Amino acid sequence: MKNPWVLLFAFVFLVACNNSDDNSNENATDDGPTITDVEDLNLVTGLLARETPDQNPFVLGNPNVFVPNNSVRIYPTIAAGIINIGANGLTISDIWVVPAEAEKIHQEEDFSVLYTENTYTQSDIDNSASLSIGELSSSEVAVNLEALAPGYYRVFVLVEGVLQWENLYIREGSEDIDDLIEFWN
C-alpha cells in the first residue's frame, strides 16, 4: 500500500514543480526589445564613434545610419555638450536631433542597402525631434546639445535636399566610455 502513495506523491510533486513561466512553450510569444522595426525612427543599433572629422570611426554594434558617399561627418559622436557637423563643402539647410533607444538587434542587417533618403519623412522627424535647427546655409555647423538629456539620439541632416543621418550618444559627465563599448560588444 505504500507504493501507490509514493507514486502519487511523486506525480503531484512533478506536476507542481512544472514552471509554466519558463517560455518553453513553442507557441508562446516573447515581447523582446522595446523597439523591433528595422526602420523605426527612434532605434539606434550602433554608433560610428569618432572624435574628429577625419578619423576613421570605431564601429560599435551595427550602426543604422545613412550617409551616402560619406558626405556628412558628425563629431564627436560620443558627445558631452557640442557636436560639429560637416558636409564636405555641401550646403546644410536643416538639422534635427531625435531621441532614440539603443537595442542590440538587426546586427546582421545591411543598412546601406535598406535605407534611402526617403526612408523617413521630414514631418515625422520634425514631430519627433527634441532639437531642430532650420534655415541654415553652411557646410559646417556646431550644435549645442546641453539642453538634451544624456542618452542615444539620431541626428538627421538635410544636405542639398538629401536627408542623411548618423547616431549619437550624449554621455553624462565623466561617464566611463568602457561601459558603452562593453554594451555594444
N, C-alpha and C. Protein backbone atom coordinates (compact mmCIF):
# COMPACT_ATOMS: atom_id res chain seq x y z
N MET A 1 0.81 -1.20 0.00
CA MET A 1 0.00 0.00 0.00
C MET A 1 0.85 1.27 0.00
N LYS A 2 2.12 1.15 0.45
CA LYS A 2 2.99 2.32 0.47
C LYS A 2 3.34 2.78 -0.94
N ASN A 3 3.54 1.87 -1.87
CA ASN A 3 3.94 2.22 -3.23
C ASN A 3 2.98 3.15 -3.94
N PRO A 4 1.66 2.94 -3.91
CA PRO A 4 0.77 3.89 -4.59
C PRO A 4 0.88 5.30 -4.03
N TRP A 5 1.08 5.44 -2.72
CA TRP A 5 1.22 6.77 -2.14
C TRP A 5 2.51 7.44 -2.60
N VAL A 6 3.57 6.69 -2.70
CA VAL A 6 4.84 7.24 -3.16
C VAL A 6 4.72 7.69 -4.61
N LEU A 7 4.09 6.85 -5.43
CA LEU A 7 3.89 7.21 -6.83
C LEU A 7 2.99 8.44 -6.97
N LEU A 8 1.91 8.46 -6.18
CA LEU A 8 1.01 9.61 -6.22
C LEU A 8 1.73 10.88 -5.78
N PHE A 9 2.52 10.79 -4.71
CA PHE A 9 3.29 11.92 -4.21
C PHE A 9 4.29 12.39 -5.27
N ALA A 10 4.99 11.48 -5.91
CA ALA A 10 5.96 11.83 -6.94
C ALA A 10 5.28 12.52 -8.12
N PHE A 11 4.11 12.01 -8.53
CA PHE A 11 3.36 12.60 -9.63
C PHE A 11 2.93 14.02 -9.28
N VAL A 12 2.36 14.21 -8.10
CA VAL A 12 1.92 15.54 -7.66
C VAL A 12 3.11 16.49 -7.58
N PHE A 13 4.22 16.01 -7.07
CA PHE A 13 5.43 16.82 -6.94
C PHE A 13 5.92 17.28 -8.32
N LEU A 14 5.98 16.39 -9.29
CA LEU A 14 6.43 16.75 -10.63
C LEU A 14 5.50 17.75 -11.30
N VAL A 15 4.20 17.54 -11.14
CA VAL A 15 3.24 18.47 -11.74
C VAL A 15 3.34 19.84 -11.07
N ALA A 16 3.49 19.86 -9.76
CA ALA A 16 3.57 21.12 -9.02
C ALA A 16 4.85 21.87 -9.35
N CYS A 17 5.93 21.17 -9.65
CA CYS A 17 7.21 21.82 -9.94
C CYS A 17 7.31 22.28 -11.38
N ASN A 18 6.35 21.95 -12.22
CA ASN A 18 6.38 22.40 -13.60
C ASN A 18 6.23 23.92 -13.62
N ASN A 19 7.20 24.61 -14.22
CA ASN A 19 7.19 26.08 -14.26
C ASN A 19 6.54 26.52 -15.56
N SER A 20 5.36 27.06 -15.47
CA SER A 20 4.66 27.49 -16.68
C SER A 20 5.19 28.82 -17.21
N ASP A 21 6.09 29.49 -16.49
CA ASP A 21 6.64 30.76 -16.92
C ASP A 21 8.02 30.62 -17.55
N ASP A 22 8.43 29.41 -17.91
CA ASP A 22 9.79 29.24 -18.41
C ASP A 22 9.91 29.48 -19.91
N ASN A 23 8.85 29.90 -20.57
CA ASN A 23 8.83 30.19 -22.00
C ASN A 23 9.20 28.98 -22.84
N SER A 24 9.00 27.77 -22.30
CA SER A 24 9.32 26.57 -23.07
C SER A 24 8.23 26.22 -24.06
N ASN A 25 7.10 26.85 -23.96
CA ASN A 25 6.01 26.60 -24.89
C ASN A 25 6.36 27.24 -26.23
N GLU A 26 6.47 26.40 -27.27
CA GLU A 26 6.89 26.94 -28.54
C GLU A 26 5.85 27.87 -29.16
N ASN A 27 4.64 27.86 -28.68
CA ASN A 27 3.62 28.77 -29.19
C ASN A 27 3.59 30.10 -28.45
N ALA A 28 4.36 30.20 -27.37
CA ALA A 28 4.38 31.44 -26.59
C ALA A 28 5.11 32.52 -27.37
N THR A 29 4.73 33.78 -27.13
CA THR A 29 5.41 34.89 -27.79
C THR A 29 6.31 35.59 -26.80
N ASP A 30 7.45 36.04 -27.29
CA ASP A 30 8.41 36.77 -26.47
C ASP A 30 8.28 38.24 -26.82
N ASP A 31 8.07 39.09 -25.82
CA ASP A 31 7.91 40.51 -26.07
C ASP A 31 9.17 41.12 -26.68
N GLY A 32 10.35 40.60 -26.32
CA GLY A 32 11.60 41.06 -26.90
C GLY A 32 11.88 42.51 -26.58
N PRO A 33 12.71 43.15 -27.41
CA PRO A 33 13.08 44.54 -27.18
C PRO A 33 11.89 45.48 -27.32
N THR A 34 12.05 46.68 -26.79
CA THR A 34 11.00 47.68 -26.86
C THR A 34 10.73 48.07 -28.31
N ILE A 35 11.79 48.26 -29.09
CA ILE A 35 11.66 48.65 -30.49
C ILE A 35 12.24 47.53 -31.34
N THR A 36 11.48 47.07 -32.34
CA THR A 36 11.99 45.99 -33.18
C THR A 36 12.00 46.33 -34.66
N ASP A 37 11.19 47.27 -35.12
CA ASP A 37 11.11 47.59 -36.53
C ASP A 37 12.44 48.18 -37.00
N VAL A 38 13.01 47.57 -38.02
CA VAL A 38 14.32 47.98 -38.52
C VAL A 38 14.33 49.43 -39.01
N GLU A 39 13.18 49.96 -39.39
CA GLU A 39 13.10 51.34 -39.86
C GLU A 39 12.50 52.29 -38.83
N ASP A 40 12.43 51.87 -37.58
CA ASP A 40 11.87 52.75 -36.55
C ASP A 40 12.74 54.00 -36.40
N LEU A 41 12.09 55.14 -36.40
CA LEU A 41 12.77 56.43 -36.31
C LEU A 41 13.58 56.57 -35.03
N ASN A 42 13.15 55.92 -33.96
CA ASN A 42 13.78 56.08 -32.65
C ASN A 42 14.68 54.92 -32.26
N LEU A 43 15.16 54.15 -33.22
CA LEU A 43 16.01 52.99 -32.94
C LEU A 43 17.46 53.28 -33.29
N VAL A 44 18.35 52.96 -32.36
CA VAL A 44 19.80 53.00 -32.60
C VAL A 44 20.32 51.58 -32.43
N THR A 45 21.00 51.08 -33.48
CA THR A 45 21.55 49.72 -33.42
C THR A 45 23.08 49.74 -33.35
N GLY A 46 23.67 50.91 -33.23
CA GLY A 46 25.12 51.03 -33.12
C GLY A 46 25.56 52.45 -33.38
N LEU A 47 26.86 52.68 -33.22
CA LEU A 47 27.44 54.01 -33.40
C LEU A 47 28.70 53.94 -34.26
N LEU A 48 28.94 54.99 -35.01
CA LEU A 48 30.23 55.20 -35.66
C LEU A 48 30.98 56.20 -34.77
N ALA A 49 31.73 55.69 -33.82
CA ALA A 49 32.38 56.55 -32.82
C ALA A 49 33.60 57.24 -33.43
N ARG A 50 33.55 58.58 -33.39
CA ARG A 50 34.69 59.36 -33.88
C ARG A 50 34.78 60.66 -33.07
N GLU A 51 35.99 61.14 -32.92
CA GLU A 51 36.24 62.39 -32.20
C GLU A 51 36.49 63.56 -33.15
N THR A 52 37.05 63.27 -34.33
CA THR A 52 37.41 64.32 -35.29
C THR A 52 36.82 63.97 -36.66
N PRO A 53 36.72 64.94 -37.56
CA PRO A 53 36.07 64.67 -38.85
C PRO A 53 36.86 63.70 -39.74
N ASP A 54 38.17 63.69 -39.62
CA ASP A 54 39.00 62.86 -40.49
C ASP A 54 39.32 61.49 -39.90
N GLN A 55 38.88 61.26 -38.70
CA GLN A 55 39.17 59.98 -38.02
C GLN A 55 38.31 58.86 -38.60
N ASN A 56 38.93 57.71 -38.86
CA ASN A 56 38.15 56.53 -39.22
C ASN A 56 37.36 56.12 -37.99
N PRO A 57 36.06 55.93 -38.13
CA PRO A 57 35.25 55.64 -36.93
C PRO A 57 35.52 54.26 -36.36
N PHE A 58 35.36 54.18 -35.05
CA PHE A 58 35.38 52.92 -34.33
C PHE A 58 33.94 52.44 -34.31
N VAL A 59 33.68 51.30 -34.92
CA VAL A 59 32.31 50.83 -35.09
C VAL A 59 31.85 50.08 -33.85
N LEU A 60 30.74 50.54 -33.27
CA LEU A 60 30.12 49.90 -32.12
C LEU A 60 28.76 49.37 -32.57
N GLY A 61 28.54 48.07 -32.47
CA GLY A 61 27.30 47.47 -32.94
C GLY A 61 27.24 47.50 -34.45
N ASN A 62 26.04 47.63 -35.00
CA ASN A 62 25.83 47.76 -36.44
C ASN A 62 25.03 49.04 -36.66
N PRO A 63 25.72 50.17 -36.84
CA PRO A 63 25.03 51.46 -36.90
C PRO A 63 24.01 51.56 -38.02
N ASN A 64 22.79 51.90 -37.66
CA ASN A 64 21.71 52.11 -38.63
C ASN A 64 21.73 53.58 -39.07
N VAL A 65 22.70 53.88 -39.93
CA VAL A 65 22.91 55.24 -40.40
C VAL A 65 22.79 55.27 -41.92
N PHE A 66 22.60 56.47 -42.45
CA PHE A 66 22.55 56.67 -43.89
C PHE A 66 23.34 57.92 -44.22
N VAL A 67 24.54 57.72 -44.74
CA VAL A 67 25.41 58.83 -45.14
C VAL A 67 26.04 58.47 -46.48
N PRO A 68 25.30 58.69 -47.57
CA PRO A 68 25.84 58.32 -48.88
C PRO A 68 27.11 59.10 -49.22
N ASN A 69 28.10 58.38 -49.73
CA ASN A 69 29.38 58.97 -50.14
C ASN A 69 30.10 59.68 -49.00
N ASN A 70 29.80 59.31 -47.76
CA ASN A 70 30.42 59.94 -46.59
C ASN A 70 30.37 61.46 -46.67
N SER A 71 29.26 61.98 -47.17
CA SER A 71 29.15 63.43 -47.38
C SER A 71 28.89 64.21 -46.10
N VAL A 72 28.46 63.53 -45.03
CA VAL A 72 28.24 64.20 -43.75
C VAL A 72 29.11 63.54 -42.69
N ARG A 73 29.74 64.37 -41.87
CA ARG A 73 30.52 63.88 -40.74
C ARG A 73 30.03 64.57 -39.48
N ILE A 74 29.61 63.78 -38.51
CA ILE A 74 29.21 64.31 -37.21
C ILE A 74 30.28 63.88 -36.22
N TYR A 75 30.75 64.83 -35.44
CA TYR A 75 31.80 64.52 -34.47
C TYR A 75 31.76 65.51 -33.31
N PRO A 76 32.08 65.10 -32.12
CA PRO A 76 32.23 63.71 -31.72
C PRO A 76 30.86 63.03 -31.64
N THR A 77 30.81 61.75 -31.94
CA THR A 77 29.53 61.03 -31.88
C THR A 77 29.26 60.48 -30.49
N ILE A 78 30.25 60.52 -29.64
CA ILE A 78 30.04 60.30 -28.20
C ILE A 78 30.36 61.66 -27.59
N ALA A 79 29.31 62.41 -27.33
CA ALA A 79 29.45 63.83 -27.04
C ALA A 79 29.11 64.17 -25.59
N ALA A 80 29.55 65.37 -25.20
CA ALA A 80 29.26 65.85 -23.86
C ALA A 80 28.65 67.25 -23.86
N GLY A 81 28.55 67.92 -24.98
CA GLY A 81 27.98 69.26 -24.97
C GLY A 81 27.72 69.82 -26.35
N ILE A 82 28.73 69.74 -27.23
CA ILE A 82 28.60 70.30 -28.57
C ILE A 82 29.06 69.27 -29.58
N ILE A 83 28.32 69.18 -30.70
CA ILE A 83 28.78 68.37 -31.82
C ILE A 83 29.01 69.28 -33.00
N ASN A 84 29.84 68.83 -33.89
CA ASN A 84 30.11 69.54 -35.14
C ASN A 84 29.59 68.69 -36.28
N ILE A 85 29.01 69.34 -37.26
CA ILE A 85 28.51 68.65 -38.44
C ILE A 85 29.14 69.30 -39.65
N GLY A 86 29.84 68.48 -40.44
CA GLY A 86 30.46 68.96 -41.66
C GLY A 86 29.89 68.22 -42.86
N ALA A 87 29.78 68.93 -43.99
CA ALA A 87 29.18 68.34 -45.19
C ALA A 87 30.10 68.41 -46.39
N ASN A 88 31.41 68.40 -46.18
CA ASN A 88 32.38 68.35 -47.28
C ASN A 88 32.11 69.40 -48.36
N GLY A 89 31.84 70.63 -47.94
CA GLY A 89 31.61 71.71 -48.88
C GLY A 89 30.19 71.82 -49.41
N LEU A 90 29.34 70.85 -49.08
CA LEU A 90 27.94 70.90 -49.49
C LEU A 90 27.14 71.73 -48.49
N THR A 91 25.95 72.18 -48.88
CA THR A 91 25.16 73.07 -48.04
C THR A 91 24.19 72.31 -47.14
N ILE A 92 24.31 72.54 -45.84
CA ILE A 92 23.39 72.01 -44.84
C ILE A 92 22.27 73.03 -44.68
N SER A 93 21.01 72.57 -44.78
CA SER A 93 19.89 73.51 -44.62
C SER A 93 19.10 73.25 -43.34
N ASP A 94 19.05 72.00 -42.86
CA ASP A 94 18.27 71.69 -41.67
C ASP A 94 18.95 70.58 -40.86
N ILE A 95 18.75 70.64 -39.54
CA ILE A 95 19.28 69.61 -38.63
C ILE A 95 18.20 69.30 -37.61
N TRP A 96 18.00 68.01 -37.33
CA TRP A 96 17.08 67.56 -36.29
C TRP A 96 17.80 66.56 -35.41
N VAL A 97 17.58 66.65 -34.10
CA VAL A 97 18.12 65.67 -33.15
C VAL A 97 16.92 64.99 -32.50
N VAL A 98 16.83 63.67 -32.72
CA VAL A 98 15.67 62.88 -32.32
C VAL A 98 16.09 61.89 -31.22
N PRO A 99 15.40 61.87 -30.07
CA PRO A 99 15.73 60.90 -29.03
C PRO A 99 15.51 59.47 -29.53
N ALA A 100 16.34 58.55 -29.03
CA ALA A 100 16.27 57.17 -29.51
C ALA A 100 16.56 56.20 -28.38
N GLU A 101 16.30 54.93 -28.67
CA GLU A 101 16.62 53.84 -27.75
C GLU A 101 17.61 52.92 -28.42
N ALA A 102 18.61 52.49 -27.66
CA ALA A 102 19.60 51.56 -28.18
C ALA A 102 19.12 50.14 -27.98
N GLU A 103 19.16 49.36 -29.04
CA GLU A 103 18.79 47.95 -29.00
C GLU A 103 19.83 47.17 -29.78
N LYS A 104 20.30 46.08 -29.20
CA LYS A 104 21.28 45.23 -29.89
C LYS A 104 20.53 44.23 -30.78
N ILE A 105 19.84 44.76 -31.77
CA ILE A 105 19.10 43.94 -32.72
C ILE A 105 19.51 44.36 -34.13
N HIS A 106 19.16 43.57 -35.12
CA HIS A 106 19.49 43.87 -36.51
C HIS A 106 20.99 44.02 -36.71
N GLN A 107 21.78 43.24 -35.98
CA GLN A 107 23.23 43.36 -36.06
C GLN A 107 23.80 42.79 -37.36
N GLU A 108 23.01 42.04 -38.11
CA GLU A 108 23.46 41.49 -39.39
C GLU A 108 22.84 42.23 -40.57
N GLU A 109 22.02 43.21 -40.30
CA GLU A 109 21.31 43.96 -41.37
C GLU A 109 22.30 44.82 -42.15
N ASP A 110 22.11 44.92 -43.47
CA ASP A 110 22.92 45.80 -44.31
C ASP A 110 22.13 47.09 -44.53
N PHE A 111 22.36 48.07 -43.67
CA PHE A 111 21.60 49.31 -43.73
C PHE A 111 21.92 50.13 -44.98
N SER A 112 23.10 49.94 -45.57
CA SER A 112 23.43 50.68 -46.78
C SER A 112 22.54 50.27 -47.95
N VAL A 113 21.99 49.07 -47.90
CA VAL A 113 21.06 48.60 -48.93
C VAL A 113 19.62 48.94 -48.55
N LEU A 114 19.32 48.85 -47.26
CA LEU A 114 17.95 49.05 -46.78
C LEU A 114 17.49 50.51 -46.82
N TYR A 115 18.36 51.41 -46.38
CA TYR A 115 17.96 52.81 -46.23
C TYR A 115 18.16 53.62 -47.51
N THR A 116 17.27 54.59 -47.69
CA THR A 116 17.41 55.59 -48.75
C THR A 116 17.09 56.94 -48.14
N GLU A 117 17.26 57.99 -48.91
CA GLU A 117 16.94 59.33 -48.42
C GLU A 117 15.45 59.49 -48.14
N ASN A 118 14.63 58.56 -48.62
CA ASN A 118 13.18 58.62 -48.43
C ASN A 118 12.67 57.66 -47.35
N THR A 119 13.56 57.06 -46.58
CA THR A 119 13.14 56.13 -45.54
C THR A 119 12.25 56.82 -44.51
N TYR A 120 12.57 58.06 -44.18
CA TYR A 120 11.79 58.84 -43.21
C TYR A 120 11.30 60.12 -43.88
N THR A 121 10.17 60.62 -43.39
CA THR A 121 9.68 61.90 -43.90
C THR A 121 10.16 63.02 -42.97
N GLN A 122 10.34 64.18 -43.55
CA GLN A 122 10.76 65.33 -42.74
C GLN A 122 9.73 65.67 -41.68
N SER A 123 8.44 65.47 -41.98
CA SER A 123 7.42 65.80 -40.98
C SER A 123 7.48 64.82 -39.81
N ASP A 124 7.73 63.52 -40.06
CA ASP A 124 7.88 62.56 -38.96
C ASP A 124 9.09 62.91 -38.10
N ILE A 125 10.18 63.27 -38.74
CA ILE A 125 11.38 63.65 -38.00
C ILE A 125 11.12 64.91 -37.19
N ASP A 126 10.52 65.91 -37.81
CA ASP A 126 10.23 67.17 -37.13
C ASP A 126 9.33 66.96 -35.91
N ASN A 127 8.33 66.08 -36.05
CA ASN A 127 7.41 65.79 -34.94
C ASN A 127 8.09 65.05 -33.79
N SER A 128 9.16 64.33 -34.06
CA SER A 128 9.85 63.55 -33.03
C SER A 128 11.07 64.25 -32.45
N ALA A 129 11.50 65.33 -33.07
CA ALA A 129 12.76 65.97 -32.70
C ALA A 129 12.70 66.69 -31.36
N SER A 130 13.78 66.54 -30.60
CA SER A 130 13.96 67.31 -29.37
C SER A 130 14.65 68.63 -29.66
N LEU A 131 15.33 68.69 -30.79
CA LEU A 131 16.05 69.89 -31.20
C LEU A 131 15.97 70.00 -32.71
N SER A 132 15.58 71.17 -33.20
CA SER A 132 15.50 71.43 -34.64
C SER A 132 16.20 72.75 -34.95
N ILE A 133 17.00 72.72 -36.01
CA ILE A 133 17.66 73.94 -36.48
C ILE A 133 17.39 74.02 -37.97
N GLY A 134 16.74 75.08 -38.39
CA GLY A 134 16.39 75.22 -39.80
C GLY A 134 16.93 76.47 -40.42
N GLU A 135 16.67 76.61 -41.71
CA GLU A 135 17.07 77.78 -42.48
C GLU A 135 18.56 78.06 -42.40
N LEU A 136 19.34 76.99 -42.46
CA LEU A 136 20.80 77.12 -42.48
C LEU A 136 21.28 77.22 -43.92
N SER A 137 22.49 77.67 -44.08
CA SER A 137 23.13 77.71 -45.40
C SER A 137 24.64 77.68 -45.18
N SER A 138 25.10 76.53 -44.69
CA SER A 138 26.50 76.39 -44.33
C SER A 138 26.95 74.95 -44.55
N SER A 139 28.25 74.76 -44.72
CA SER A 139 28.77 73.40 -44.85
C SER A 139 29.36 72.89 -43.53
N GLU A 140 29.44 73.75 -42.53
CA GLU A 140 29.94 73.38 -41.19
C GLU A 140 29.04 74.03 -40.14
N VAL A 141 28.53 73.21 -39.21
CA VAL A 141 27.64 73.73 -38.17
C VAL A 141 28.03 73.12 -36.83
N ALA A 142 28.09 73.95 -35.78
CA ALA A 142 28.28 73.48 -34.41
C ALA A 142 26.91 73.50 -33.75
N VAL A 143 26.56 72.40 -33.07
CA VAL A 143 25.24 72.27 -32.44
C VAL A 143 25.43 72.07 -30.95
N ASN A 144 24.82 72.95 -30.16
CA ASN A 144 24.87 72.86 -28.70
C ASN A 144 23.81 71.86 -28.22
N LEU A 145 24.25 70.83 -27.52
CA LEU A 145 23.36 69.77 -27.03
C LEU A 145 23.10 69.85 -25.53
N GLU A 146 23.56 70.91 -24.89
CA GLU A 146 23.50 70.99 -23.43
C GLU A 146 22.09 70.91 -22.87
N ALA A 147 21.08 71.26 -23.65
CA ALA A 147 19.69 71.20 -23.17
C ALA A 147 19.11 69.78 -23.25
N LEU A 148 19.84 68.85 -23.87
CA LEU A 148 19.34 67.48 -24.04
C LEU A 148 19.85 66.57 -22.93
N ALA A 149 19.02 65.63 -22.54
CA ALA A 149 19.39 64.66 -21.51
C ALA A 149 20.41 63.66 -22.07
N PRO A 150 21.23 63.08 -21.21
CA PRO A 150 22.14 62.04 -21.67
C PRO A 150 21.36 60.87 -22.28
N GLY A 151 21.96 60.22 -23.26
CA GLY A 151 21.33 59.07 -23.89
C GLY A 151 21.60 59.04 -25.38
N TYR A 152 20.86 58.19 -26.06
CA TYR A 152 21.03 57.99 -27.51
C TYR A 152 20.12 58.91 -28.30
N TYR A 153 20.64 59.36 -29.44
CA TYR A 153 19.90 60.23 -30.34
C TYR A 153 20.26 59.87 -31.77
N ARG A 154 19.40 60.25 -32.68
CA ARG A 154 19.69 60.17 -34.10
C ARG A 154 19.74 61.61 -34.61
N VAL A 155 20.77 61.92 -35.37
CA VAL A 155 20.95 63.27 -35.91
C VAL A 155 20.66 63.21 -37.41
N PHE A 156 19.60 63.91 -37.83
CA PHE A 156 19.20 63.97 -39.22
C PHE A 156 19.66 65.31 -39.80
N VAL A 157 20.24 65.26 -40.99
CA VAL A 157 20.80 66.45 -41.62
C VAL A 157 20.29 66.49 -43.06
N LEU A 158 19.75 67.63 -43.45
CA LEU A 158 19.32 67.82 -44.84
C LEU A 158 20.44 68.56 -45.57
N VAL A 159 21.07 67.84 -46.51
CA VAL A 159 22.21 68.37 -47.25
C VAL A 159 21.84 68.45 -48.73
N GLU A 160 21.71 69.68 -49.21
CA GLU A 160 21.32 69.91 -50.61
C GLU A 160 20.14 69.05 -51.03
N GLY A 161 19.12 69.03 -50.14
CA GLY A 161 17.87 68.33 -50.42
C GLY A 161 17.88 66.84 -50.13
N VAL A 162 19.02 66.28 -49.69
CA VAL A 162 19.12 64.85 -49.40
C VAL A 162 19.19 64.65 -47.89
N LEU A 163 18.26 63.86 -47.37
CA LEU A 163 18.21 63.57 -45.94
C LEU A 163 19.22 62.48 -45.60
N GLN A 164 20.06 62.75 -44.59
CA GLN A 164 21.08 61.81 -44.15
C GLN A 164 21.05 61.78 -42.63
N TRP A 165 21.60 60.70 -42.04
CA TRP A 165 21.58 60.63 -40.59
C TRP A 165 22.69 59.75 -40.04
N GLU A 166 23.07 60.09 -38.81
CA GLU A 166 24.01 59.31 -38.01
C GLU A 166 23.43 59.20 -36.61
N ASN A 167 24.03 58.30 -35.83
CA ASN A 167 23.61 58.11 -34.44
C ASN A 167 24.60 58.79 -33.51
N LEU A 168 24.10 59.14 -32.34
CA LEU A 168 24.87 59.93 -31.39
C LEU A 168 24.58 59.43 -29.98
N TYR A 169 25.58 59.51 -29.13
CA TYR A 169 25.38 59.21 -27.71
C TYR A 169 25.85 60.42 -26.92
N ILE A 170 24.97 60.98 -26.09
CA ILE A 170 25.35 62.07 -25.20
C ILE A 170 25.63 61.45 -23.85
N ARG A 171 26.86 61.58 -23.42
CA ARG A 171 27.25 60.95 -22.14
C ARG A 171 27.01 61.90 -20.98
N GLU A 172 26.94 61.29 -19.83
CA GLU A 172 26.67 62.04 -18.61
C GLU A 172 27.97 62.30 -17.88
N GLY A 173 28.38 63.57 -17.80
CA GLY A 173 29.57 63.96 -17.07
C GLY A 173 30.80 63.16 -17.45
N SER A 174 31.38 62.51 -16.46
CA SER A 174 32.61 61.74 -16.69
C SER A 174 32.31 60.25 -16.83
N GLU A 175 31.17 59.94 -17.43
CA GLU A 175 30.76 58.55 -17.65
C GLU A 175 31.88 57.76 -18.33
N ASP A 176 32.11 56.54 -17.87
CA ASP A 176 33.17 55.69 -18.39
C ASP A 176 32.80 55.16 -19.77
N ILE A 177 33.62 55.47 -20.75
CA ILE A 177 33.37 55.06 -22.12
C ILE A 177 33.44 53.54 -22.27
N ASP A 178 34.17 52.88 -21.37
CA ASP A 178 34.28 51.42 -21.43
C ASP A 178 32.92 50.74 -21.25
N ASP A 179 32.03 51.33 -20.47
CA ASP A 179 30.69 50.76 -20.30
C ASP A 179 29.91 50.78 -21.61
N LEU A 180 30.07 51.86 -22.36
CA LEU A 180 29.41 51.99 -23.66
C LEU A 180 29.96 50.94 -24.63
N ILE A 181 31.26 50.80 -24.68
CA ILE A 181 31.90 49.82 -25.58
C ILE A 181 31.46 48.41 -25.18
N GLU A 182 31.43 48.15 -23.90
CA GLU A 182 31.03 46.81 -23.42
C GLU A 182 29.59 46.49 -23.81
N PHE A 183 28.71 47.47 -23.77
CA PHE A 183 27.31 47.25 -24.14
C PHE A 183 27.21 46.77 -25.59
N TRP A 184 27.96 47.39 -26.50
CA TRP A 184 27.84 47.07 -27.92
C TRP A 184 28.62 45.84 -28.33
N ASN A 185 29.62 45.45 -27.56
CA ASN A 185 30.43 44.27 -27.94
C ASN A 185 30.00 43.03 -27.23
